[in-house]
Amino acid sequence: MPRKTAPKLPQAHIRRLAKAALKEDKAWQDVTTAALVPPQQKGRGIIIAREEGVLAGLPVAEAVFDAVDPSLQWRPLAVEGSRLPAGQEVAHVEGSLAAILRGERVALNYLTHLSGVATATARLVAAVAGLPVGIRDTRKTTPGLRMLEKYAVRVGGGQNHRLTLADAVLIKDNHLATLRARGLGIADALRLARQESPKGMRVQIEVTSVDEARQALEAGAGELLLDNMPLEDMRRVAEMAQGRAVLEASGGITLENVRRVAETGVDYISVGAVTHSARALDMSLEVQSLGP
């Protein structure tokens, strides 16, 4: 289920993103609006959800309109993290009609994308309801938008894995391949990771078979990433690791199979698709003129 209380976003960060996106769109050189909309004309923009989903991104949309014209008045009509029915009015923005039109597309791009991420996450969370498992994201995010996309995952009821490469050790297959070229293996990888990383940092290792999982557990691994493992192998690893290590399943996870994966006994399921393939939630902005 989506979160009842939305997490916080750093205001300075979203202001920078809003300004950069408006600059990219050349919002202040909008030739169509300049030709057709008098600068003194007042209006209201009404953002409407065209389909059901989970709302995420209101603070970002507000930052966009504020960056276009600080005199615009923003009024949310729905709560961040709430489930929207089709036809719900999400927010109103009032003031200069020209300013509203200049910010329209950038604000909607953020709002529809982040709501799509939150909606995709919420569907997975609902699919494993009642089981002791968490849905995690990955680093498969849009460059420059990672903080926003991971925020939307949390809004949808999911959890973040790593924000950056500096947040935790994750020993993946390519790391192990470089070690094997030097005659080293899983136990060596874990030893080096503990030895060379900051004290207390999380260390997770990716394994692809029951045998690799056994080697990692024997070497004292505290967290295993089970990559593209068959369900039966996941169950066997869960039995082996009970009380010894945290297990995360990854690879090939879909809405159709996520509950079966959860039932194997893993603690977390990571799904890159919630950020890299989430479909934007359909929303539109309709304007009303409030004066000549």
Protein backbone atom coordinates (compact mmCIF):
# COMPACT_ATOMS: atom_id res chain seq x y z
CA MET A 1 0.00 0.00 0.00
CA PRO A 2 1.18 3.59 -0.55
CA ARG A 3 2.53 5.51 2.41
CA LYS A 4 0.02 7.49 4.45
CA THR A 5 2.62 10.15 5.22
CA ALA A 6 4.84 11.15 2.32
CA PRO A 7 8.61 11.29 2.87
CA LYS A 8 10.40 14.62 2.63
CA LEU A 9 12.30 15.96 -0.36
CA PRO A 10 15.20 18.44 -0.03
CA GLN A 11 13.72 21.76 -1.13
CA ALA A 12 16.99 23.15 -2.51
CA HIS A 13 17.41 20.05 -4.69
CA ILE A 14 13.94 20.18 -6.22
CA ARG A 15 14.29 23.91 -6.89
CA ARG A 16 17.51 23.24 -8.80
CA LEU A 17 15.87 20.48 -10.82
CA ALA A 18 12.83 22.64 -11.58
CA LYS A 19 14.97 25.53 -12.83
CA ALA A 20 17.17 23.24 -14.92
CA ALA A 21 14.15 21.58 -16.56
CA LEU A 22 12.53 24.94 -17.35
CA LYS A 23 15.79 26.19 -18.81
CA GLU A 24 16.02 23.06 -20.97
CA ASP A 25 12.48 23.74 -22.23
CA LYS A 26 13.29 27.45 -22.80
CA ALA A 27 10.14 28.25 -20.85
CA TRP A 28 10.82 31.98 -20.82
CA GLN A 29 11.18 31.99 -24.64
CA ASP A 30 7.82 30.30 -25.27
CA VAL A 31 7.03 31.84 -28.66
CA THR A 32 3.48 30.45 -28.84
CA THR A 33 2.42 31.86 -25.48
CA ALA A 34 4.15 35.16 -26.19
CA ALA A 35 2.19 35.50 -29.43
CA LEU A 36 -1.24 34.49 -28.15
CA VAL A 37 -1.54 35.19 -24.41
CA PRO A 38 -1.38 38.78 -23.09
CA PRO A 39 0.99 39.07 -20.11
CA GLN A 40 -1.73 40.66 -17.95
CA GLN A 41 -4.29 37.87 -18.52
CA LYS A 42 -5.11 35.89 -15.37
CA GLY A 43 -6.14 32.26 -15.26
CA ARG A 44 -6.36 29.00 -13.41
CA GLY A 45 -4.71 25.71 -14.28
CA ILE A 46 -6.51 22.57 -13.12
CA ILE A 47 -4.44 19.38 -12.96
CA ILE A 48 -6.64 16.29 -13.40
CA ALA A 49 -5.82 12.59 -13.02
CA ARG A 50 -7.14 10.76 -16.07
CA GLU A 51 -6.66 7.30 -14.56
CA GLU A 52 -6.43 5.67 -11.14
CA GLY A 53 -3.05 5.64 -9.44
CA VAL A 54 -0.89 6.80 -6.54
CA LEU A 55 -0.01 10.47 -6.43
CA ALA A 56 3.64 11.48 -6.15
CA GLY A 57 5.45 14.67 -7.14
CA LEU A 58 3.26 17.49 -5.83
CA PRO A 59 6.23 19.31 -4.23
CA VAL A 60 8.13 19.14 -7.51
CA ALA A 61 5.24 20.47 -9.59
CA GLU A 62 4.80 23.30 -7.09
CA ALA A 63 8.54 24.12 -7.35
CA VAL A 64 8.22 24.31 -11.15
CA PHE A 65 5.41 26.86 -11.08
CA ASP A 66 7.19 28.85 -8.36
CA ALA A 67 10.32 28.96 -10.52
CA VAL A 68 8.32 30.18 -13.53
CA ASP A 69 6.61 32.93 -11.55
CA PRO A 70 6.75 33.21 -7.73
CA SER A 71 3.43 35.11 -7.73
CA LEU A 72 1.52 32.02 -8.92
CA GLN A 73 -0.76 30.56 -6.24
CA TRP A 74 -0.52 26.78 -5.85
CA ARG A 75 -3.33 24.84 -4.15
CA PRO A 76 -3.11 21.04 -3.85
CA LEU A 77 -6.46 19.24 -3.82
CA ALA A 78 -5.14 15.75 -3.10
CA VAL A 79 -2.63 14.39 -0.62
CA GLU A 80 0.80 13.16 -1.68
CA GLY A 81 0.79 9.36 -1.51
CA SER A 82 -2.99 9.10 -1.79
CA ARG A 83 -4.75 6.84 -4.26
CA LEU A 84 -6.38 8.90 -7.01
CA PRO A 85 -9.57 7.89 -8.79
CA ALA A 86 -9.87 8.75 -12.48
CA GLY A 87 -11.19 12.28 -12.83
CA GLN A 88 -9.79 13.56 -9.52
CA GLU A 89 -8.65 17.18 -9.50
CA VAL A 90 -5.10 17.04 -8.16
CA ALA A 91 -4.19 20.73 -7.83
CA HIS A 92 -5.02 24.26 -8.93
CA VAL A 93 -2.51 26.95 -9.87
CA GLU A 94 -3.68 30.53 -10.33
CA GLY A 95 -2.19 33.77 -11.59
CA SER A 96 -0.59 34.78 -14.87
CA LEU A 97 -2.05 32.50 -17.53
CA ALA A 98 1.12 32.88 -19.60
CA ALA A 99 3.27 31.69 -16.67
CA ILE A 100 0.98 28.69 -16.11
CA LEU A 101 1.32 27.68 -19.75
CA ARG A 102 5.11 28.05 -19.68
CA GLY A 103 5.39 25.67 -16.73
CA GLU A 104 2.64 23.26 -17.72
CA ARG A 105 4.65 20.58 -19.52
CA VAL A 106 7.60 20.47 -17.12
CA ALA A 107 5.30 20.24 -14.09
CA LEU A 108 3.21 17.49 -15.69
CA ASN A 109 6.30 15.56 -16.82
CA TYR A 110 7.53 15.37 -13.24
CA LEU A 111 4.10 14.66 -11.78
CA THR A 112 3.07 11.94 -14.23
CA HIS A 113 6.45 10.18 -14.11
CA LEU A 114 6.76 10.15 -10.33
CA SER A 115 3.13 9.11 -9.89
CA GLY A 116 3.81 6.28 -12.35
CA VAL A 117 6.76 5.10 -10.24
CA ALA A 118 4.70 5.28 -7.05
CA THR A 119 1.80 3.44 -8.69
CA ALA A 120 4.01 0.63 -10.01
CA THR A 121 5.60 0.25 -6.59
CA ALA A 122 2.25 0.23 -4.78
CA ARG A 123 0.99 -2.57 -7.02
CA LEU A 124 3.95 -4.77 -6.10
CA VAL A 125 3.59 -3.93 -2.41
CA ALA A 126 -0.10 -4.88 -2.56
CA ALA A 127 0.74 -8.14 -4.33
CA VAL A 128 2.88 -9.33 -1.38
CA ALA A 129 0.56 -8.02 1.35
CA GLY A 130 0.55 -10.20 4.47
CA LEU A 131 4.02 -11.65 3.83
CA PRO A 132 7.14 -10.53 5.77
CA VAL A 133 8.94 -9.09 2.76
CA GLY A 134 9.85 -5.60 1.55
CA ILE A 135 9.87 -4.28 -2.01
CA ARG A 136 13.12 -2.47 -2.88
CA ASP A 137 14.26 -0.39 -5.83
CA THR A 138 17.65 -0.49 -7.56
CA ARG A 139 20.08 2.02 -9.09
CA LYS A 140 18.39 1.59 -12.49
CA THR A 141 17.17 5.17 -12.44
CA THR A 142 17.06 8.10 -14.85
CA PRO A 143 20.36 10.03 -14.60
CA GLY A 144 19.77 13.23 -12.67
CA LEU A 145 16.39 12.06 -11.32
CA ARG A 146 17.50 9.32 -8.94
CA MET A 147 16.57 11.17 -5.76
CA LEU A 148 13.09 11.93 -7.10
CA GLU A 149 12.47 8.41 -8.40
CA LYS A 150 13.61 6.81 -5.16
CA TYR A 151 11.38 9.26 -3.29
CA ALA A 152 8.45 8.10 -5.44
CA VAL A 153 9.25 4.47 -4.58
CA ARG A 154 8.94 5.34 -0.89
CA VAL A 155 5.68 7.20 -1.55
CA GLY A 156 4.38 3.98 -3.15
CA GLY A 157 5.24 1.97 -0.04
CA GLY A 158 8.56 0.55 -1.22
CA GLN A 159 12.04 0.84 0.21
CA ASN A 160 15.30 2.16 -1.19
CA HIS A 161 18.30 -0.12 -1.66
CA ARG A 162 21.33 2.11 -2.29
CA LEU A 163 21.15 5.74 -3.30
CA THR A 164 24.77 5.77 -4.54
CA LEU A 165 27.78 3.50 -4.96
CA ALA A 166 29.22 4.97 -1.76
CA ASP A 167 26.31 3.90 0.47
CA ALA A 168 27.00 0.16 0.77
CA VAL A 169 29.18 -2.61 -0.63
CA LEU A 170 27.46 -4.76 -3.25
CA ILE A 171 29.76 -7.43 -4.69
CA LYS A 172 28.34 -8.30 -8.11
CA ASP A 173 29.24 -10.83 -10.79
CA ASN A 174 31.65 -8.46 -12.56
CA HIS A 175 33.52 -7.82 -9.32
CA LEU A 176 33.82 -11.58 -8.78
CA ALA A 177 35.01 -12.02 -12.37
CA THR A 178 37.91 -9.62 -11.77
CA LEU A 179 38.82 -11.54 -8.61
CA ARG A 180 38.69 -14.93 -10.35
CA ALA A 181 41.21 -13.61 -12.88
CA ARG A 182 43.57 -13.21 -9.90
CA GLY A 183 42.79 -16.67 -8.49
CA LEU A 184 40.45 -15.34 -5.78
CA GLY A 185 36.87 -16.30 -4.92
CA ILE A 186 33.78 -15.48 -2.89
CA ALA A 187 35.43 -15.78 0.52
CA ASP A 188 38.24 -13.47 -0.63
CA ALA A 189 35.74 -10.95 -1.95
CA LEU A 190 33.98 -10.77 1.40
CA ARG A 191 37.26 -10.56 3.30
CA LEU A 192 38.54 -7.70 1.13
CA ALA A 193 35.22 -5.85 1.30
CA ARG A 194 35.20 -5.92 5.11
CA GLN A 195 38.86 -5.07 5.28
CA GLU A 196 38.82 -2.11 2.91
CA SER A 197 35.40 -0.58 3.56
CA PRO A 198 34.41 1.85 6.33
CA LYS A 199 33.67 0.13 9.62
CA GLY A 200 30.06 -0.95 9.97
CA MET A 201 29.18 -0.56 6.28
CA ARG A 202 26.66 -2.99 4.83
CA VAL A 203 28.22 -5.71 2.69
CA GLN A 204 26.01 -7.64 0.27
CA ILE A 205 27.13 -10.23 -2.24
CA GLU A 206 25.34 -11.38 -5.36
CA VAL A 207 25.02 -15.15 -5.84
CA THR A 208 23.43 -17.06 -8.69
CA SER A 209 23.32 -20.64 -7.37
CA VAL A 210 22.80 -22.61 -4.18
CA ASP A 211 26.49 -23.53 -4.18
CA GLU A 212 27.59 -19.88 -4.36
CA ALA A 213 25.14 -19.04 -1.59
CA ARG A 214 26.62 -21.81 0.56
CA GLN A 215 30.14 -20.50 -0.02
CA ALA A 216 29.06 -16.97 0.91
CA LEU A 217 27.31 -18.14 4.09
CA GLU A 218 30.33 -20.21 5.12
CA ALA A 219 32.45 -17.06 4.66
CA GLY A 220 30.15 -15.16 7.02
CA ALA A 221 28.12 -13.13 4.54
CA GLY A 222 25.42 -11.14 6.27
CA GLU A 223 23.39 -10.26 3.18
CA LEU A 224 22.91 -12.19 -0.05
CA LEU A 225 21.43 -10.96 -3.32
CA LEU A 226 19.87 -13.96 -5.08
CA ASP A 227 20.16 -13.06 -8.74
CA ASN A 228 17.79 -14.74 -11.22
CA MET A 229 17.50 -17.88 -9.11
CA PRO A 230 14.76 -20.44 -9.71
CA LEU A 231 12.09 -20.45 -6.97
CA GLU A 232 13.16 -23.86 -5.62
CA ASP A 233 16.76 -22.68 -5.27
CA MET A 234 15.58 -19.59 -3.42
CA ARG A 235 13.70 -21.83 -0.97
CA ARG A 236 16.79 -23.95 -0.38
CA VAL A 237 18.92 -20.87 0.26
CA ALA A 238 16.28 -19.48 2.61
CA GLU A 239 16.39 -22.70 4.62
CA MET A 240 20.21 -22.60 4.73
CA ALA A 241 20.38 -18.94 5.66
CA GLN A 242 17.67 -18.86 8.31
CA GLY A 243 18.85 -16.52 11.07
CA ARG A 244 22.29 -16.16 9.47
CA ALA A 245 21.82 -13.68 6.62
CA VAL A 246 19.37 -11.28 5.05
CA LEU A 247 18.17 -12.43 1.62
CA GLU A 248 17.13 -10.29 -1.32
CA ALA A 249 15.72 -11.69 -4.55
CA SER A 250 16.37 -9.89 -7.82
CA GLY A 251 16.03 -10.41 -11.54
CA GLY A 252 12.95 -11.23 -13.60
CA ILE A 253 10.49 -10.04 -10.95
CA THR A 254 7.05 -9.12 -12.28
CA LEU A 255 3.66 -8.32 -10.81
CA GLU A 256 2.58 -11.83 -11.83
CA ASN A 257 5.35 -13.73 -10.01
CA VAL A 258 6.31 -11.42 -7.14
CA ARG A 259 4.13 -13.17 -4.57
CA ARG A 260 5.57 -16.59 -5.44
CA VAL A 261 9.05 -15.13 -4.96
CA ALA A 262 8.02 -13.65 -1.61
CA GLU A 263 6.72 -17.04 -0.48
CA THR A 264 10.20 -18.59 -0.80
CA GLY A 265 11.24 -16.90 2.46
CA VAL A 266 13.38 -14.00 1.19
CA ASP A 267 13.41 -10.77 3.18
CA TYR A 268 13.43 -8.31 0.28
CA ILE A 269 12.61 -8.28 -3.42
CA SER A 270 14.29 -5.68 -5.62
CA VAL A 271 12.63 -4.58 -8.86
CA GLY A 272 14.44 -2.27 -11.26
CA ALA A 273 11.32 -1.89 -13.40
CA VAL A 274 9.61 0.38 -10.85
CA THR A 275 12.00 3.14 -11.88
CA HIS A 276 13.34 2.27 -15.33
CA SER A 277 10.08 1.04 -16.88
CA ALA A 278 7.22 2.58 -14.92
CA ARG A 279 4.52 3.94 -17.21
CA ALA A 280 3.63 7.57 -16.57
CA LEU A 281 0.28 8.10 -14.90
CA ASP A 282 -2.06 9.94 -17.27
CA MET A 283 -2.74 13.51 -16.11
CA SER A 284 -3.62 16.74 -17.85
CA LEU A 285 -3.78 20.45 -17.12
CA GLU A 286 -6.82 22.43 -18.25
CA VAL A 287 -6.87 26.21 -18.09
CA GLN A 288 -9.65 28.64 -17.30
CA SER A 289 -9.39 32.34 -18.06
CA LEU A 290 -10.12 34.54 -15.05
CA GLY A 291 -9.96 37.87 -16.80
CA PRO A 292 -9.34 39.72 -20.07
